[in-house]
Amino acid sequence: PNDDPALAPLFSWRAHANLLWRNWLNWVYQTTPYDLSEVPQLRAERRLGTDRSIRHAPCSPRDDQFLPF
């Protein structure tokens, strides 16, 4: 901080790291089938959450044409 090597760095990313971890864990949980015997079939159909073929279109969560500037 303030270009002073004697000061300890700020630990301000903890909340962001926690959010990233929890979102990733939630994504893994939701994309894993309950019955694990379905995994080979889903993998063959490329419908597992880890398949790179699953894409989400980037878009705003708002529908009211809001523009910040």
N, C-alpha and C. Protein backbone atom coordinates (compact mmCIF):
# COMPACT_ATOMS: atom_id res chain seq x y z
N PRO A 1 0.83 -1.20 0.00
CA PRO A 1 0.00 0.00 0.00
C PRO A 1 0.87 1.26 0.00
N ASN A 2 0.52 2.19 -0.79
CA ASN A 2 1.21 3.49 -0.89
C ASN A 2 2.69 3.32 -1.21
N ASP A 3 3.05 2.29 -1.96
CA ASP A 3 4.43 2.02 -2.36
C ASP A 3 5.38 1.89 -1.18
N ASP A 4 4.88 1.42 -0.06
CA ASP A 4 5.71 1.22 1.13
C ASP A 4 5.85 -0.28 1.36
N PRO A 5 7.03 -0.85 1.09
CA PRO A 5 7.20 -2.29 1.27
C PRO A 5 7.12 -2.74 2.72
N ALA A 6 7.19 -1.82 3.67
CA ALA A 6 7.11 -2.19 5.08
C ALA A 6 5.67 -2.49 5.50
N LEU A 7 4.71 -1.98 4.74
CA LEU A 7 3.30 -2.21 5.09
C LEU A 7 2.83 -3.53 4.51
N ALA A 8 2.00 -4.20 5.27
CA ALA A 8 1.43 -5.47 4.79
C ALA A 8 0.40 -5.18 3.70
N PRO A 9 0.33 -6.02 2.68
CA PRO A 9 -0.66 -5.78 1.62
C PRO A 9 -2.09 -5.94 2.16
N LEU A 10 -3.00 -5.22 1.54
CA LEU A 10 -4.40 -5.31 1.93
C LEU A 10 -4.97 -6.64 1.45
N PHE A 11 -5.76 -7.23 2.30
CA PHE A 11 -6.40 -8.51 1.96
C PHE A 11 -7.86 -8.22 1.65
N SER A 12 -8.09 -7.61 0.48
CA SER A 12 -9.43 -7.15 0.16
C SER A 12 -10.17 -8.04 -0.82
N TRP A 13 -9.57 -9.14 -1.26
CA TRP A 13 -10.21 -9.99 -2.27
C TRP A 13 -10.92 -11.19 -1.67
N ARG A 14 -10.96 -11.29 -0.35
CA ARG A 14 -11.54 -12.47 0.29
C ARG A 14 -13.00 -12.70 -0.12
N ALA A 15 -13.81 -11.65 -0.12
CA ALA A 15 -15.22 -11.82 -0.48
C ALA A 15 -15.37 -12.25 -1.93
N HIS A 16 -14.54 -11.71 -2.81
CA HIS A 16 -14.62 -12.08 -4.22
C HIS A 16 -14.19 -13.53 -4.44
N ALA A 17 -13.16 -13.94 -3.74
CA ALA A 17 -12.70 -15.32 -3.86
C ALA A 17 -13.77 -16.28 -3.34
N ASN A 18 -14.40 -15.92 -2.24
CA ASN A 18 -15.45 -16.76 -1.68
C ASN A 18 -16.63 -16.87 -2.64
N LEU A 19 -17.01 -15.74 -3.26
CA LEU A 19 -18.11 -15.76 -4.21
C LEU A 19 -17.77 -16.61 -5.43
N LEU A 20 -16.55 -16.47 -5.94
CA LEU A 20 -16.13 -17.27 -7.08
C LEU A 20 -16.18 -18.76 -6.74
N TRP A 21 -15.64 -19.12 -5.59
CA TRP A 21 -15.63 -20.52 -5.16
C TRP A 21 -17.04 -21.06 -5.01
N ARG A 22 -17.93 -20.32 -4.35
CA ARG A 22 -19.29 -20.80 -4.13
C ARG A 22 -20.07 -20.91 -5.43
N ASN A 23 -19.87 -19.96 -6.34
CA ASN A 23 -20.56 -20.04 -7.63
C ASN A 23 -20.07 -21.24 -8.43
N TRP A 24 -18.76 -21.49 -8.40
CA TRP A 24 -18.23 -22.65 -9.12
C TRP A 24 -18.76 -23.94 -8.52
N LEU A 25 -18.76 -24.03 -7.20
CA LEU A 25 -19.25 -25.23 -6.53
C LEU A 25 -20.73 -25.45 -6.83
N ASN A 26 -21.52 -24.39 -6.84
CA ASN A 26 -22.93 -24.49 -7.17
C ASN A 26 -23.11 -24.97 -8.61
N TRP A 27 -22.29 -24.46 -9.53
CA TRP A 27 -22.36 -24.87 -10.93
C TRP A 27 -22.04 -26.36 -11.06
N VAL A 28 -21.01 -26.82 -10.38
CA VAL A 28 -20.65 -28.24 -10.43
C VAL A 28 -21.80 -29.08 -9.88
N TYR A 29 -22.37 -28.66 -8.77
CA TYR A 29 -23.47 -29.40 -8.16
C TYR A 29 -24.67 -29.48 -9.10
N GLN A 30 -25.01 -28.37 -9.75
CA GLN A 30 -26.20 -28.36 -10.59
C GLN A 30 -25.99 -29.06 -11.93
N THR A 31 -24.77 -29.18 -12.39
CA THR A 31 -24.53 -29.82 -13.68
C THR A 31 -24.16 -31.30 -13.55
N THR A 32 -24.03 -31.79 -12.34
CA THR A 32 -23.73 -33.21 -12.13
C THR A 32 -25.04 -33.96 -11.97
N PRO A 33 -25.27 -34.99 -12.76
CA PRO A 33 -26.54 -35.73 -12.64
C PRO A 33 -26.62 -36.45 -11.29
N TYR A 34 -27.84 -36.58 -10.79
CA TYR A 34 -28.05 -37.26 -9.52
C TYR A 34 -27.63 -38.72 -9.61
N ASP A 35 -28.00 -39.35 -10.70
CA ASP A 35 -27.65 -40.75 -10.93
C ASP A 35 -26.36 -40.78 -11.75
N LEU A 36 -25.26 -41.15 -11.12
CA LEU A 36 -23.96 -41.09 -11.78
C LEU A 36 -23.83 -42.11 -12.91
N SER A 37 -24.75 -43.06 -12.99
CA SER A 37 -24.70 -43.99 -14.12
C SER A 37 -25.11 -43.30 -15.42
N GLU A 38 -25.69 -42.10 -15.34
CA GLU A 38 -26.06 -41.33 -16.53
C GLU A 38 -24.87 -40.59 -17.14
N VAL A 39 -23.76 -40.52 -16.43
CA VAL A 39 -22.62 -39.74 -16.90
C VAL A 39 -22.10 -40.20 -18.26
N PRO A 40 -21.88 -41.50 -18.51
CA PRO A 40 -21.38 -41.89 -19.83
C PRO A 40 -22.30 -41.48 -20.98
N GLN A 41 -23.61 -41.64 -20.78
CA GLN A 41 -24.56 -41.26 -21.83
C GLN A 41 -24.54 -39.75 -22.05
N LEU A 42 -24.54 -38.97 -20.97
CA LEU A 42 -24.51 -37.52 -21.11
C LEU A 42 -23.19 -37.06 -21.73
N ARG A 43 -22.11 -37.74 -21.40
CA ARG A 43 -20.82 -37.39 -21.99
C ARG A 43 -20.84 -37.66 -23.49
N ALA A 44 -21.43 -38.78 -23.89
CA ALA A 44 -21.52 -39.10 -25.32
C ALA A 44 -22.38 -38.08 -26.07
N GLU A 45 -23.41 -37.57 -25.40
CA GLU A 45 -24.29 -36.56 -26.01
C GLU A 45 -23.74 -35.15 -25.83
N ARG A 46 -22.61 -35.02 -25.15
CA ARG A 46 -21.98 -33.73 -24.86
C ARG A 46 -22.94 -32.79 -24.12
N ARG A 47 -23.61 -33.35 -23.11
CA ARG A 47 -24.55 -32.57 -22.33
C ARG A 47 -24.13 -32.43 -20.88
N LEU A 48 -22.91 -32.79 -20.55
CA LEU A 48 -22.42 -32.58 -19.19
C LEU A 48 -22.05 -31.12 -19.02
N GLY A 49 -22.09 -30.64 -17.80
CA GLY A 49 -21.73 -29.25 -17.55
C GLY A 49 -20.29 -28.94 -17.85
N THR A 50 -19.43 -29.95 -17.85
CA THR A 50 -18.01 -29.71 -18.13
C THR A 50 -17.72 -29.67 -19.62
N ASP A 51 -18.70 -29.98 -20.46
CA ASP A 51 -18.49 -29.92 -21.91
C ASP A 51 -18.40 -28.48 -22.36
N ARG A 52 -17.46 -28.22 -23.22
CA ARG A 52 -17.27 -26.85 -23.70
C ARG A 52 -18.33 -26.45 -24.72
N SER A 53 -19.17 -27.39 -25.11
CA SER A 53 -20.20 -27.06 -26.09
C SER A 53 -21.36 -26.29 -25.46
N ILE A 54 -21.47 -26.31 -24.14
CA ILE A 54 -22.54 -25.58 -23.47
C ILE A 54 -22.09 -24.13 -23.32
N ARG A 55 -22.79 -23.25 -23.97
CA ARG A 55 -22.45 -21.83 -23.93
C ARG A 55 -23.68 -21.03 -23.53
N HIS A 56 -23.43 -19.97 -22.82
CA HIS A 56 -24.49 -19.04 -22.46
C HIS A 56 -24.21 -17.74 -23.18
N ALA A 57 -25.22 -17.20 -23.81
CA ALA A 57 -25.04 -15.94 -24.53
C ALA A 57 -24.82 -14.81 -23.54
N PRO A 58 -23.80 -13.99 -23.75
CA PRO A 58 -23.59 -12.87 -22.84
C PRO A 58 -24.70 -11.85 -23.01
N CYS A 59 -25.35 -11.54 -21.94
CA CYS A 59 -26.43 -10.56 -22.02
C CYS A 59 -26.63 -9.95 -20.65
N SER A 60 -27.33 -8.86 -20.65
CA SER A 60 -27.64 -8.18 -19.41
C SER A 60 -28.83 -8.86 -18.74
N PRO A 61 -28.85 -8.91 -17.41
CA PRO A 61 -30.01 -9.49 -16.74
C PRO A 61 -31.22 -8.57 -16.76
N ARG A 62 -31.03 -7.33 -17.24
CA ARG A 62 -32.13 -6.37 -17.27
C ARG A 62 -32.83 -6.40 -18.62
N ASP A 63 -34.14 -6.16 -18.59
CA ASP A 63 -34.93 -6.12 -19.82
C ASP A 63 -35.51 -4.73 -20.09
N ASP A 64 -35.13 -3.74 -19.30
CA ASP A 64 -35.77 -2.43 -19.42
C ASP A 64 -34.96 -1.42 -20.24
N GLN A 65 -34.00 -1.90 -21.04
CA GLN A 65 -33.18 -1.04 -21.91
C GLN A 65 -32.39 0.01 -21.11
N PHE A 66 -32.05 -0.29 -19.86
CA PHE A 66 -31.29 0.64 -19.03
C PHE A 66 -29.88 0.81 -19.56
N LEU A 67 -29.43 2.04 -19.68
CA LEU A 67 -28.06 2.36 -20.06
C LEU A 67 -27.45 3.21 -18.96
N PRO A 68 -26.33 2.82 -18.39
CA PRO A 68 -25.77 3.56 -17.26
C PRO A 68 -25.24 4.94 -17.64
N PHE A 69 -24.85 5.12 -18.91
CA PHE A 69 -24.30 6.43 -19.30
C PHE A 69 -24.98 6.93 -20.54
